[in-house]
Amino acid sequence: MFSSQGHAAVCYDCIRVLAQVVAEESGESPEPPPQLRQMPPRDIYASLDAYVVAQERAKKILSVAVYNHFKRIRTGDSSSVEIQKANILLVGPTGCGKTLLAETLARTLDVPLAVCDATSLTESGYVGEDVENILLRLIQAAEWDIPRAERGIIYIDEMDKIARKEGVNRSITRDVSGEGVQQELLKIIEGCVANVPPQGGRKHPHQEFLQIDTRNILFICGGAFDGLDRMVEDRANAGSARLGFLAGSRSASAVPGGAATNVTPDDLLEFGFIPEMVGRLPITVVLEPLDRNALVRVLTEPKNAIVKQYQHLFQMDGVELEFTQDALEAAADRALEHSTGARCLRYVIEDTLMDVMYDLPSLTGATRCVVNRNSIEGLEPPTLYSAGGDEVSLPTEPIRKSA
């Protein structure tokens, strides 16, 4: 609601009605509904492949799922068959590209994207955020254009953290940040007309609300789901021999496609999701952890690769930045030690180049910077060269590198 010095107030619905009246009286035609960018699965995959390294199966499944979702929107009510919305669940360890996939999809299809964290949500009436606040973030991402927001994408991270808590006696204790949040999310994920407080926060009975239809909003939920792989493996081994020479012969690696790619609704139920939530996330996409070779590719191949970004920053100072192959491999090894996937790569490169970036703008004569394995491991600073090939020393004593 908009107010003028506390003397008058106009709700958002009235503003929209008045805008339509003014447009009709002035002879202006109303703005057409936003057009969806039509892309076949192969083109969506190619766009994902330009930013996301590895995860080939996941990118293929996402491309088809997103194409079918927006084809359903374009068809609308004209089809004789009602096509249900298919929301997506991404399962994979931290730093494997879940958020990046959602961001790239939104950028590719030119639709607004809201990224939120499920751990901040609680059941209505309790301390924390109401689930409707994630819809407000989408409206804000669409610059308050609600029809455009109604065709956007919402990515809910840390979805595994709202699994039903084990050992909670639901007849005595309410699981307000676990099962309670799942119950609250059901309606907006399936599709409804939701009332969203325009200022965020908790709902109050006398405030004006923004109304948004969630039937065409694509919900992508993601999480690490620690322990889910063991559940899949136990299920796969359930009928195998436990004694004699065949004991343990049927492992996760013996399951076609590996244990991780064989997640079923029963596994999600056992993990702690309520049946209604599992039914509203029919497409499960499993992402694999990034190995050493994949992390090296992350450094150099994507359009926004970390090495390319720093090379551009150095070019702005007139310096060519070069990484040797063993330096890239050493950076991948350091990232693997931290067990955070690609998230750690920027930290490693920033840590390596910090001293050089501190002194470089004040140096004269340096035109080339070479980073090798010893630089990544903190044994020596990156080497600077002049145009004639002579080494250029850093004037500042290098700061000791962190682990």
Protein backbone atom coordinates (compact mmCIF):
# COMPACT_ATOMS: atom_id res chain seq x y z
CA MET A 1 0.00 0.00 0.00
CA PHE A 2 1.23 3.47 -0.90
CA SER A 3 0.52 6.36 1.47
CA SER A 4 1.05 10.13 1.31
CA GLN A 5 2.29 11.60 4.61
CA GLY A 6 -0.13 9.32 6.44
CA HIS A 7 -3.23 11.16 5.11
CA ALA A 8 -4.27 8.83 2.29
CA ALA A 9 -3.52 5.32 1.16
CA VAL A 10 -4.04 3.45 -2.11
CA CYS A 11 -3.65 -0.32 -2.41
CA TYR A 12 -1.79 -1.99 -5.28
CA ASP A 13 -4.98 -3.45 -6.79
CA CYS A 14 -6.54 0.02 -7.03
CA ILE A 15 -3.42 1.37 -8.70
CA ARG A 16 -3.59 -1.35 -11.36
CA VAL A 17 -7.30 -0.68 -11.97
CA LEU A 18 -6.70 3.07 -12.27
CA ALA A 19 -3.83 2.46 -14.70
CA GLN A 20 -6.14 0.38 -16.90
CA VAL A 21 -8.82 3.09 -16.82
CA VAL A 22 -6.31 5.77 -17.79
CA ALA A 23 -4.98 3.61 -20.61
CA GLU A 24 -8.49 2.97 -21.97
CA GLU A 25 -9.51 6.63 -21.85
CA SER A 26 -6.30 7.76 -23.53
CA GLY A 27 -6.71 5.18 -26.28
CA GLU A 28 -3.49 3.41 -25.40
CA SER A 29 -3.51 -0.34 -25.91
CA PRO A 30 -2.65 -2.39 -22.84
CA GLU A 31 0.77 -3.99 -22.75
CA PRO A 32 0.79 -7.52 -24.15
CA PRO A 33 1.61 -10.35 -21.76
CA PRO A 34 5.30 -11.17 -21.55
CA GLN A 35 6.48 -13.52 -24.28
CA LEU A 36 8.39 -16.63 -23.34
CA ARG A 37 11.64 -17.37 -25.10
CA GLN A 38 11.13 -20.61 -27.04
CA MET A 39 14.19 -22.83 -27.02
CA PRO A 40 14.42 -26.57 -27.81
CA PRO A 41 16.17 -28.84 -25.31
CA ARG A 42 19.38 -28.95 -27.38
CA ASP A 43 19.72 -25.15 -27.25
CA ILE A 44 18.99 -25.08 -23.50
CA TYR A 45 21.63 -27.77 -23.00
CA ALA A 46 24.16 -25.80 -25.06
CA SER A 47 23.56 -22.73 -22.90
CA LEU A 48 23.99 -24.74 -19.71
CA ASP A 49 27.10 -26.37 -21.12
CA ALA A 50 28.69 -22.95 -21.67
CA TYR A 51 28.62 -22.22 -17.93
CA VAL A 52 28.38 -25.57 -16.11
CA VAL A 53 31.20 -28.11 -16.34
CA ALA A 54 30.47 -31.87 -16.30
CA GLN A 55 27.00 -32.98 -15.03
CA GLU A 56 26.06 -34.08 -18.56
CA ARG A 57 23.11 -36.24 -17.52
CA ALA A 58 21.78 -33.57 -15.17
CA LYS A 59 21.96 -30.90 -17.88
CA LYS A 60 20.09 -33.16 -20.31
CA ILE A 61 17.30 -33.94 -17.83
CA LEU A 62 16.97 -30.26 -16.88
CA SER A 63 16.82 -29.17 -20.52
CA VAL A 64 13.92 -31.50 -21.27
CA ALA A 65 12.09 -30.70 -18.01
CA VAL A 66 12.34 -26.93 -18.49
CA TYR A 67 11.34 -27.17 -22.16
CA ASN A 68 8.22 -29.17 -21.24
CA HIS A 69 7.39 -26.76 -18.42
CA PHE A 70 7.38 -23.67 -20.61
CA LYS A 71 5.66 -25.55 -23.44
CA ARG A 72 2.90 -26.27 -20.92
CA ILE A 73 2.65 -22.54 -20.15
CA ARG A 74 2.43 -21.61 -23.84
CA THR A 75 -0.31 -24.18 -24.40
CA GLY A 76 -2.35 -22.82 -21.48
CA ASP A 77 -5.97 -23.86 -21.29
CA SER A 78 -6.25 -24.47 -25.04
CA SER A 79 -5.14 -28.09 -24.73
CA SER A 80 -7.75 -30.79 -24.22
CA VAL A 81 -5.34 -32.54 -21.84
CA GLU A 82 -4.45 -30.91 -18.54
CA ILE A 83 -0.67 -31.03 -18.14
CA GLN A 84 0.49 -30.94 -14.54
CA LYS A 85 3.45 -28.86 -13.45
CA ALA A 86 6.66 -30.83 -12.95
CA ASN A 87 8.91 -29.17 -10.38
CA ILE A 88 12.53 -30.28 -10.02
CA LEU A 89 14.67 -31.59 -7.17
CA LEU A 90 18.46 -31.28 -7.47
CA VAL A 91 20.49 -33.65 -5.32
CA GLY A 92 24.24 -33.17 -5.05
CA PRO A 93 27.12 -32.18 -2.76
CA THR A 94 28.07 -28.57 -2.12
CA GLY A 95 29.93 -26.83 -4.91
CA CYS A 96 28.76 -29.13 -7.72
CA GLY A 97 26.71 -26.50 -9.60
CA LYS A 98 23.11 -26.68 -8.33
CA THR A 99 22.62 -22.93 -7.89
CA LEU A 100 24.59 -22.19 -11.05
CA LEU A 101 22.26 -24.43 -13.07
CA ALA A 102 19.20 -22.53 -11.83
CA GLU A 103 20.82 -19.14 -12.48
CA THR A 104 21.88 -20.16 -15.98
CA LEU A 105 18.40 -21.46 -16.81
CA ALA A 106 16.80 -18.18 -15.75
CA ARG A 107 19.33 -16.14 -17.74
CA THR A 108 18.92 -18.38 -20.80
CA LEU A 109 15.13 -18.17 -20.81
CA ASP A 110 15.06 -14.49 -19.74
CA VAL A 111 12.77 -15.06 -16.76
CA PRO A 112 13.13 -13.65 -13.22
CA LEU A 113 14.84 -15.82 -10.62
CA ALA A 114 14.58 -15.83 -6.84
CA VAL A 115 17.13 -17.78 -4.79
CA CYS A 116 16.26 -18.49 -1.18
CA ASP A 117 17.38 -20.71 1.67
CA ALA A 118 14.96 -23.22 3.17
CA THR A 119 16.69 -23.07 6.55
CA SER A 120 15.34 -19.55 7.20
CA LEU A 121 11.72 -20.62 6.70
CA THR A 122 9.39 -21.65 9.51
CA GLU A 123 5.75 -22.54 9.86
CA SER A 124 3.39 -19.55 10.03
CA GLY A 125 3.17 -18.02 13.47
CA TYR A 126 6.70 -18.93 14.55
CA VAL A 127 9.96 -16.98 14.58
CA GLY A 128 11.47 -16.99 11.10
CA GLU A 129 10.33 -16.22 7.56
CA ASP A 130 6.94 -17.15 6.14
CA VAL A 131 7.10 -19.14 2.90
CA GLU A 132 5.29 -16.30 1.08
CA ASN A 133 8.45 -14.20 1.43
CA ILE A 134 10.11 -16.26 -1.28
CA LEU A 135 7.34 -15.12 -3.64
CA LEU A 136 8.07 -11.51 -2.67
CA ARG A 137 11.70 -12.03 -3.69
CA LEU A 138 10.53 -13.26 -7.09
CA ILE A 139 8.26 -10.21 -7.50
CA GLN A 140 11.20 -7.97 -6.61
CA ALA A 141 13.40 -9.80 -9.13
CA ALA A 142 10.72 -9.12 -11.75
CA GLU A 143 10.80 -5.40 -10.80
CA TRP A 144 7.27 -5.66 -9.37
CA ASP A 145 5.90 -6.94 -12.71
CA ILE A 146 3.61 -9.65 -11.32
CA PRO A 147 2.61 -11.21 -14.70
CA ARG A 148 6.31 -11.66 -15.45
CA ALA A 149 6.97 -13.01 -11.96
CA GLU A 150 4.21 -15.58 -12.48
CA ARG A 151 6.39 -17.19 -15.16
CA GLY A 152 9.63 -17.06 -13.23
CA ILE A 153 11.83 -19.59 -11.44
CA ILE A 154 12.29 -20.01 -7.68
CA TYR A 155 15.31 -21.93 -6.45
CA ILE A 156 15.05 -23.17 -2.86
CA ASP A 157 18.45 -24.23 -1.54
CA GLU A 158 19.19 -26.42 1.50
CA MET A 159 15.96 -28.30 0.91
CA ASP A 160 17.34 -31.32 2.76
CA LYS A 161 17.48 -29.26 5.97
CA ILE A 162 13.68 -29.23 6.24
CA ALA A 163 13.38 -33.00 6.24
CA ARG A 164 11.23 -34.44 9.01
CA LYS A 165 13.28 -34.60 12.18
CA GLU A 166 13.95 -38.07 13.52
CA GLY A 167 12.84 -38.77 17.06
CA VAL A 168 10.35 -35.88 17.18
CA ASN A 169 7.07 -36.84 18.85
CA ARG A 170 4.63 -34.95 16.61
CA SER A 171 1.82 -35.39 19.12
CA ILE A 172 3.78 -33.28 21.62
CA THR A 173 6.31 -31.17 19.68
CA ARG A 174 5.70 -29.28 16.45
CA ASP A 175 8.45 -29.60 13.86
CA VAL A 176 8.05 -25.97 12.76
CA SER A 177 11.27 -25.73 10.72
CA GLY A 178 11.06 -29.20 9.18
CA GLU A 179 7.77 -30.93 8.43
CA GLY A 180 5.91 -27.70 9.18
CA VAL A 181 7.75 -25.87 6.40
CA GLN A 182 7.07 -28.73 4.00
CA GLN A 183 3.35 -28.42 4.73
CA GLU A 184 3.48 -24.64 4.17
CA LEU A 185 5.32 -25.02 0.85
CA LEU A 186 2.91 -27.57 -0.60
CA LYS A 187 0.25 -25.13 -1.76
CA ILE A 188 2.53 -22.59 -3.48
CA ILE A 189 4.67 -25.29 -5.13
CA GLU A 190 1.61 -27.06 -6.57
CA GLY A 191 -0.05 -23.81 -7.64
CA CYS A 192 -2.36 -21.34 -5.97
CA VAL A 193 -3.18 -17.64 -5.72
CA ALA A 194 -1.01 -16.54 -2.81
CA ASN A 195 -1.30 -13.37 -0.74
CA VAL A 196 2.12 -11.77 -0.35
CA PRO A 197 2.82 -8.91 2.08
CA PRO A 198 4.49 -6.18 -0.05
CA GLN A 199 6.86 -5.16 2.73
CA GLY A 200 7.81 -8.71 3.66
CA GLY A 201 7.77 -9.99 7.21
CA ARG A 202 4.79 -11.53 8.92
CA LYS A 203 1.21 -11.28 7.73
CA HIS A 204 -1.22 -9.02 9.56
CA PRO A 205 -4.98 -9.25 9.15
CA HIS A 206 -5.50 -5.60 8.17
CA GLN A 207 -2.66 -5.11 5.68
CA GLU A 208 -2.98 -5.08 1.90
CA PHE A 209 -1.49 -8.01 -0.02
CA LEU A 210 -0.04 -8.58 -3.46
CA GLN A 211 -1.68 -11.53 -5.18
CA ILE A 212 0.38 -13.84 -7.35
CA ASP A 213 -0.64 -17.03 -9.15
CA THR A 214 2.02 -19.71 -8.64
CA ARG A 215 0.64 -22.29 -11.08
CA ASN A 216 3.22 -21.40 -13.76
CA ILE A 217 6.18 -20.70 -11.48
CA LEU A 218 8.86 -23.36 -11.80
CA PHE A 219 10.21 -24.46 -8.43
CA ILE A 220 13.69 -25.96 -8.37
CA CYS A 221 14.71 -27.35 -4.99
CA GLY A 222 18.25 -28.35 -4.16
CA GLY A 223 20.27 -29.85 -1.34
CA ALA A 224 23.26 -32.01 -0.46
CA PHE A 225 21.11 -34.77 1.12
CA ASP A 226 23.94 -36.26 3.16
CA GLY A 227 23.26 -39.93 3.82
CA LEU A 228 20.82 -40.39 0.93
CA ASP A 229 23.42 -42.33 -1.05
CA ARG A 230 23.71 -44.83 1.79
CA MET A 231 19.93 -45.29 1.81
CA VAL A 232 19.99 -45.99 -1.93
CA GLU A 233 22.84 -48.45 -1.49
CA ASP A 234 21.06 -50.26 1.36
CA ARG A 235 17.93 -50.57 -0.77
CA ALA A 236 19.98 -51.91 -3.69
CA ASN A 237 21.64 -54.45 -1.43
CA ALA A 238 18.41 -55.51 0.27
CA GLY A 239 17.99 -58.68 -1.76
CA SER A 240 21.66 -59.63 -2.06
CA ALA A 241 23.40 -62.42 -0.23
CA ARG A 242 24.78 -61.48 3.17
CA LEU A 243 26.81 -64.65 3.87
CA GLY A 244 29.51 -66.63 2.14
CA PHE A 245 31.44 -65.69 -0.96
CA LEU A 246 28.64 -63.47 -2.30
CA ALA A 247 28.45 -61.27 0.80
CA GLY A 248 28.67 -57.60 -0.17
CA SER A 249 29.14 -58.41 -3.85
CA ARG A 250 26.25 -56.22 -4.88
CA SER A 251 27.35 -52.70 -4.01
CA ALA A 252 26.31 -49.24 -5.15
CA SER A 253 28.72 -49.48 -8.05
CA ALA A 254 26.88 -52.58 -9.26
CA VAL A 255 23.62 -50.71 -9.59
CA PRO A 256 23.09 -49.53 -13.18
CA GLY A 257 24.19 -45.91 -13.30
CA GLY A 258 25.53 -46.00 -9.72
CA ALA A 259 23.64 -45.58 -6.48
CA ALA A 260 23.37 -41.81 -6.72
CA THR A 261 21.44 -41.85 -9.99
CA ASN A 262 18.86 -44.35 -8.71
CA VAL A 263 17.10 -42.17 -6.15
CA THR A 264 13.43 -43.15 -5.89
CA PRO A 265 10.47 -41.53 -4.11
CA ASP A 266 10.78 -44.19 -1.39
CA ASP A 267 14.32 -43.00 -0.67
CA LEU A 268 13.11 -39.42 -0.26
CA LEU A 269 10.34 -40.58 2.05
CA GLU A 270 12.85 -42.46 4.17
CA PHE A 271 15.08 -39.37 4.24
CA GLY A 272 12.29 -37.37 5.86
CA PHE A 273 10.09 -35.84 3.16
CA ILE A 274 6.35 -36.08 3.48
CA PRO A 275 4.55 -37.93 0.66
CA GLU A 276 2.81 -34.78 -0.57
CA MET A 277 6.14 -33.00 -1.05
CA VAL A 278 7.65 -35.95 -2.91
CA GLY A 279 4.65 -35.94 -5.25
CA ARG A 280 5.15 -32.25 -6.05
CA LEU A 281 8.81 -32.77 -6.99
CA PRO A 282 8.47 -35.54 -9.60
CA ILE A 283 11.75 -34.87 -11.42
CA THR A 284 14.86 -35.76 -9.43
CA VAL A 285 18.21 -34.73 -10.91
CA VAL A 286 21.35 -36.13 -9.26
CA LEU A 287 24.60 -34.20 -9.62
CA GLU A 288 27.95 -35.89 -9.14
CA PRO A 289 30.79 -34.42 -7.04
CA LEU A 290 33.45 -32.69 -9.14
CA ASP A 291 36.74 -34.55 -9.45
CA ARG A 292 40.17 -33.05 -10.10
CA ASN A 293 39.81 -32.89 -13.88
CA ALA A 294 36.38 -31.27 -13.61
CA LEU A 295 37.71 -28.61 -11.21
CA VAL A 296 40.51 -27.78 -13.65
CA ARG A 297 37.91 -27.35 -16.37
CA VAL A 298 35.85 -25.11 -14.07
CA LEU A 299 38.87 -22.83 -13.80
CA THR A 300 39.30 -22.36 -17.54
CA GLU A 301 36.38 -23.50 -19.73
CA PRO A 302 33.10 -21.72 -18.79
CA LYS A 303 32.30 -18.29 -20.22
CA ASN A 304 32.70 -16.82 -16.75
CA ALA A 305 35.61 -19.07 -15.75
CA ILE A 306 37.57 -17.85 -12.72
CA VAL A 307 40.88 -17.71 -14.60
CA LYS A 308 39.28 -15.68 -17.40
CA GLN A 309 37.91 -13.20 -14.87
CA TYR A 310 41.30 -12.60 -13.27
CA GLN A 311 43.01 -12.42 -16.65
CA HIS A 312 40.59 -9.66 -17.60
CA LEU A 313 41.30 -7.80 -14.34
CA PHE A 314 45.05 -7.99 -15.00
CA GLN A 315 44.59 -6.85 -18.61
CA MET A 316 42.97 -3.68 -17.29
CA ASP A 317 46.37 -2.96 -15.65
CA GLY A 318 48.22 -3.86 -18.83
CA VAL A 319 49.49 -7.20 -17.56
CA GLU A 320 49.07 -10.63 -19.16
CA LEU A 321 48.18 -13.29 -16.57
CA GLU A 322 49.23 -16.86 -17.29
CA PHE A 323 48.58 -20.06 -15.32
CA THR A 324 50.69 -23.13 -15.98
CA GLN A 325 48.96 -26.49 -16.20
CA ASP A 326 50.51 -27.68 -12.94
CA ALA A 327 49.22 -24.51 -11.26
CA LEU A 328 45.66 -25.32 -12.34
CA GLU A 329 46.04 -28.87 -11.07
CA ALA A 330 47.44 -27.63 -7.76
CA ALA A 331 44.48 -25.25 -7.37
CA ALA A 332 42.11 -28.17 -7.96
CA ASP A 333 43.99 -30.24 -5.36
CA ARG A 334 43.67 -27.45 -2.78
CA ALA A 335 39.95 -27.19 -3.49
CA LEU A 336 39.52 -30.93 -3.03
CA GLU A 337 41.22 -30.70 0.37
CA HIS A 338 38.51 -28.27 1.54
CA SER A 339 35.69 -30.59 0.31
CA THR A 340 33.57 -27.68 -0.91
CA GLY A 341 33.77 -28.36 -4.63
CA ALA A 342 34.07 -25.43 -7.03
CA ARG A 343 33.17 -22.93 -4.30
CA CYS A 344 36.76 -23.04 -3.00
CA LEU A 345 38.45 -22.32 -6.33
CA ARG A 346 37.96 -18.57 -6.21
CA TYR A 347 39.36 -18.48 -2.68
CA VAL A 348 42.49 -20.38 -3.84
CA ILE A 349 43.12 -18.06 -6.80
CA GLU A 350 42.40 -14.93 -4.77
CA ASP A 351 44.74 -16.11 -2.03
CA THR A 352 47.51 -16.76 -4.57
CA LEU A 353 47.21 -13.42 -6.38
CA MET A 354 46.55 -11.15 -3.39
CA ASP A 355 50.11 -9.79 -3.02
CA VAL A 356 50.48 -9.23 -6.76
CA MET A 357 47.14 -7.42 -7.02
CA TYR A 358 48.14 -5.23 -4.06
CA ASP A 359 51.37 -3.99 -5.69
CA LEU A 360 50.62 -4.30 -9.40
CA PRO A 361 48.81 -0.95 -9.88
CA SER A 362 51.86 0.83 -8.39
CA LEU A 363 54.48 -1.07 -10.41
CA THR A 364 55.98 0.12 -13.68
CA GLY A 365 57.44 -2.18 -16.29
CA ALA A 366 55.57 -5.39 -15.44
CA THR A 367 53.74 -6.77 -18.48
CA ARG A 368 53.38 -10.49 -17.68
CA CYS A 369 52.56 -12.55 -14.60
CA VAL A 370 53.10 -16.31 -14.44
CA VAL A 371 51.53 -18.52 -11.77
CA ASN A 372 52.96 -22.01 -11.24
CA ARG A 373 52.41 -24.83 -8.75
CA ASN A 374 54.73 -23.32 -6.14
CA SER A 375 52.72 -20.09 -6.26
CA ILE A 376 49.46 -21.95 -5.65
CA GLU A 377 51.01 -23.89 -2.76
CA GLY A 378 52.35 -20.67 -1.20
CA LEU A 379 56.03 -21.56 -1.60
CA GLU A 380 56.85 -18.56 -3.78
CA PRO A 381 54.98 -15.55 -5.19
CA PRO A 382 53.83 -15.42 -8.82
CA THR A 383 56.61 -14.30 -11.17
CA LEU A 384 56.38 -10.90 -12.88
CA TYR A 385 58.21 -10.16 -16.12
CA SER A 386 58.94 -6.96 -18.01
CA ALA A 387 58.45 -6.52 -21.76
CA GLY A 388 62.10 -7.50 -22.25
CA GLY A 389 61.73 -10.74 -20.32
CA ASP A 390 63.43 -9.60 -17.10
CA GLU A 391 61.95 -10.48 -13.74
CA VAL A 392 60.24 -7.70 -11.79
CA SER A 393 60.33 -7.94 -8.00
CA LEU A 394 57.41 -7.13 -5.74
CA PRO A 395 58.19 -4.19 -3.43
CA THR A 396 56.10 -5.61 -0.57
CA GLU A 397 57.09 -8.65 1.47
CA PRO A 398 54.59 -11.40 0.57
CA ILE A 399 51.99 -12.21 3.19
CA ARG A 400 52.19 -15.77 4.42
CA LYS A 401 49.59 -17.85 2.63
CA SER A 402 46.81 -19.46 4.60
CA ALA A 403 46.24 -23.19 4.51
